[in-house]
C-alpha atoms as a PDB file:
ATOM      1  CA  MET A   1     209.045  68.059 -75.664  1.00  0.00           C
ATOM      2  CA  VAL A   2     205.403  67.115 -75.197  1.00  0.00           C
ATOM      3  CA  ILE A   3     204.154  65.967 -71.839  1.00  0.00           C
ATOM      4  CA  ALA A   4     200.959  63.958 -72.015  1.00  0.00           C
ATOM      5  CA  THR A   5     198.390  64.519 -69.322  1.00  0.00           C
ATOM      6  CA  ALA A   6     195.626  62.102 -68.389  1.00  0.00           C
ATOM      7  CA  GLU A   7     193.143  64.375 -70.191  1.00  0.00           C
ATOM      8  CA  ALA A   8     195.166  64.228 -73.411  1.00  0.00           C
ATOM      9  CA  LEU A   9     195.496  60.473 -73.547  1.00  0.00           C
ATOM     10  CA  ALA A  10     193.353  58.500 -75.941  1.00  0.00           C
ATOM     11  CA  LEU A  11     190.512  56.467 -74.533  1.00  0.00           C
ATOM     12  CA  ALA A  12     190.681  52.719 -74.747  1.00  0.00           C
ATOM     13  CA  PHE A  13     187.506  50.736 -75.224  1.00  0.00           C
ATOM     14  CA  LEU A  14     187.594  47.310 -73.718  1.00  0.00           C
ATOM     15  CA  PRO A  15     184.429  45.400 -74.535  1.00  0.00           C
ATOM     16  CA  CYS A  16     183.870  42.473 -72.214  1.00  0.00           C
ATOM     17  CA  VAL A  17     182.195  39.800 -74.267  1.00  0.00           C
ATOM     18  CA  ALA A  18     181.331  36.510 -72.637  1.00  0.00           C
ATOM     19  CA  THR A  19     179.500  33.561 -74.096  1.00  0.00           C
ATOM     20  CA  TRP A  20     178.539  30.262 -72.589  1.00  0.00           C
ATOM     21  CA  PRO A  21     176.282  27.413 -73.687  1.00  0.00           C
ATOM     22  CA  ILE A  22     172.996  28.278 -72.024  1.00  0.00           C
ATOM     23  CA  GLU A  23     171.633  24.775 -72.607  1.00  0.00           C
ATOM     24  CA  GLU A  24     174.461  23.248 -70.597  1.00  0.00           C
ATOM     25  CA  MET A  25     174.805  25.911 -67.920  1.00  0.00           C
ATOM     26  CA  PRO A  26     171.449  27.691 -67.533  1.00  0.00           C
ATOM     27  CA  LEU A  27     172.065  28.760 -63.954  1.00  0.00           C
ATOM     28  CA  ASP A  28     175.453  30.349 -64.597  1.00  0.00           C
ATOM     29  CA  ASP A  29     174.175  33.731 -65.852  1.00  0.00           C
ATOM     30  CA  ALA A  30     174.632  35.341 -62.432  1.00  0.00           C
ATOM     31  CA  THR A  31     178.120  33.857 -62.100  1.00  0.00           C
ATOM     32  CA  VAL A  32     179.244  35.168 -65.484  1.00  0.00           C
ATOM     33  CA  TYR A  33     177.704  38.609 -64.957  1.00  0.00           C
ATOM     34  CA  ALA A  34     179.362  38.832 -61.524  1.00  0.00           C
ATOM     35  CA  ALA A  35     182.746  37.965 -63.046  1.00  0.00           C
ATOM     36  CA  ILE A  36     182.332  40.629 -65.743  1.00  0.00           C
ATOM     37  CA  ASP A  37     181.247  43.235 -63.169  1.00  0.00           C
ATOM     38  CA  ARG A  38     184.239  42.347 -60.977  1.00  0.00           C
ATOM     39  CA  PHE A  39     186.613  42.695 -63.952  1.00  0.00           C
ATOM     40  CA  ILE A  40     185.161  46.091 -64.898  1.00  0.00           C
ATOM     41  CA  SER A  41     185.253  47.317 -61.301  1.00  0.00           C
ATOM     42  CA  ARG A  42     188.900  46.303 -60.913  1.00  0.00           C
ATOM     43  CA  SER A  43     189.801  47.908 -64.251  1.00  0.00           C
ATOM     44  CA  VAL A  44     188.090  51.190 -63.339  1.00  0.00           C
ATOM     45  CA  ASN A  45     189.765  51.224 -59.911  1.00  0.00           C
ATOM     46  CA  LEU A  46     193.162  50.626 -61.516  1.00  0.00           C
ATOM     47  CA  ALA A  47     192.572  53.523 -63.908  1.00  0.00           C
ATOM     48  CA  LYS A  48     191.453  55.768 -61.020  1.00  0.00           C
ATOM     49  CA  ASN A  49     194.553  54.878 -59.002  1.00  0.00           C
ATOM     50  CA  ARG A  50     196.678  55.969 -61.959  1.00  0.00           C
ATOM     51  CA  SER A  51     194.613  59.145 -62.557  1.00  0.00           C
ATOM     52  CA  LEU A  52     193.552  57.788 -65.946  1.00  0.00           C
ATOM     53  CA  ASP A  53     189.858  57.272 -65.275  1.00  0.00           C
ATOM     54  CA  ASN A  54     187.298  58.753 -67.623  1.00  0.00           C
ATOM     55  CA  ARG A  55     183.578  58.618 -66.852  1.00  0.00           C
ATOM     56  CA  PHE A  56     182.644  58.096 -70.507  1.00  0.00           C
ATOM     57  CA  VAL A  57     181.295  54.616 -71.236  1.00  0.00           C
ATOM     58  CA  TYR A  58     180.485  53.756 -74.837  1.00  0.00           C
ATOM     59  CA  MET A  59     176.852  52.680 -74.642  1.00  0.00           C
ATOM     60  CA  ASN A  60     177.264  49.664 -76.904  1.00  0.00           C
ATOM     61  CA  TYR A  61     179.989  48.301 -74.624  1.00  0.00           C
ATOM     62  CA  GLY A  62     178.552  49.318 -71.255  1.00  0.00           C
ATOM     63  CA  SER A  63     177.616  46.643 -68.772  1.00  0.00           C
ATOM     64  CA  ARG A  64     174.211  46.451 -67.154  1.00  0.00           C
ATOM     65  CA  GLU A  65     175.621  47.945 -63.960  1.00  0.00           C
ATOM     66  CA  GLN A  66     177.369  50.947 -65.526  1.00  0.00           C
ATOM     67  CA  ASP A  67     175.842  54.423 -65.789  1.00  0.00           C
ATOM     68  CA  VAL A  68     176.493  55.127 -69.459  1.00  0.00           C
ATOM     69  CA  PHE A  69     174.894  58.581 -69.201  1.00  0.00           C
ATOM     70  CA  ALA A  70     177.229  59.859 -66.448  1.00  0.00           C
ATOM     71  CA  GLY A  71     180.012  60.495 -68.948  1.00  0.00           C
ATOM     72  CA  TYR A  72     177.787  62.812 -70.987  1.00  0.00           C
ATOM     73  CA  GLY A  73     178.057  65.447 -68.272  1.00  0.00           C
ATOM     74  CA  GLY A  74     175.222  66.820 -66.165  1.00  0.00           C
ATOM     75  CA  GLY A  75     174.125  69.489 -68.649  1.00  0.00           C
ATOM     76  CA  ASN A  76     173.949  67.075 -71.558  1.00  0.00           C
ATOM     77  CA  ARG A  77     172.077  64.504 -69.531  1.00  0.00           C
ATOM     78  CA  ARG A  78     169.530  67.093 -68.429  1.00  0.00           C
ATOM     79  CA  ARG A  79     169.091  68.133 -72.062  1.00  0.00           C
ATOM     80  CA  LEU A  80     168.480  64.505 -73.105  1.00  0.00           C
ATOM     81  CA  GLU A  81     165.905  64.158 -70.341  1.00  0.00           C
ATOM     82  CA  SER A  82     164.245  67.416 -71.393  1.00  0.00           C
ATOM     83  CA  VAL A  83     164.038  66.316 -75.038  1.00  0.00           C
ATOM     84  CA  ARG A  84     162.641  62.969 -73.929  1.00  0.00           C
ATOM     85  CA  ARG A  85     159.910  64.674 -71.881  1.00  0.00           C
ATOM     86  CA  VAL A  86     158.886  66.806 -74.875  1.00  0.00           C
ATOM     87  CA  TYR A  87     159.045  64.236 -77.684  1.00  0.00           C
ATOM     88  CA  GLU A  88     158.421  61.028 -75.759  1.00  0.00           C
ATOM     89  CA  ALA A  89     155.844  62.237 -73.243  1.00  0.00           C
ATOM     90  CA  GLY A  90     153.666  59.149 -73.739  1.00  0.00           C
ATOM     91  CA  ASP A  91     156.632  56.833 -73.075  1.00  0.00           C
ATOM     92  CA  VAL A  92     155.831  54.781 -76.201  1.00  0.00           C
ATOM     93  CA  PHE A  93     159.447  53.963 -77.017  1.00  0.00           C
ATOM     94  CA  GLY A  94     160.355  53.734 -73.346  1.00  0.00           C
ATOM     95  CA  GLY A  95     157.643  51.139 -72.866  1.00  0.00           C
ATOM     96  CA  LEU A  96     158.907  49.122 -75.802  1.00  0.00           C
ATOM     97  CA  TRP A  97     162.587  49.331 -74.843  1.00  0.00           C
ATOM     98  CA  ARG A  98     163.961  46.139 -73.337  1.00  0.00           C
ATOM     99  CA  GLY A  99     167.623  47.090 -73.280  1.00  0.00           C
ATOM    100  CA  TYR A 100     169.832  48.023 -70.363  1.00  0.00           C
ATOM    101  CA  PHE A 101     169.948  51.788 -70.439  1.00  0.00           C
ATOM    102  CA  ARG A 102     167.081  54.190 -69.886  1.00  0.00           C
ATOM    103  CA  LEU A 103     166.840  57.885 -69.096  1.00  0.00           C
ATOM    104  CA  ASP A 104     164.414  57.330 -66.227  1.00  0.00           C
END
């Protein structure tokens, strides 16, 4: 008999993709983003209540409000920051990056 623990369960990726006609509803960005954030928050809280939460967030599916680096673990994050300081000291790529997630 095998008893599955929360750590042994497979992760589920749930990308929240929303589209809306910007020409018709240009002021609704905040409303849509708030709805997505609320959905993610409720989903994470449900997982936590069932002891199924995992801090890992797949960067391509992470929302603007999620810390995608937290799931890497403190040591790995510090290593990424250290590598960035050595190889990206002039912040060339950081200055060009317009995406959500940065190692600031």
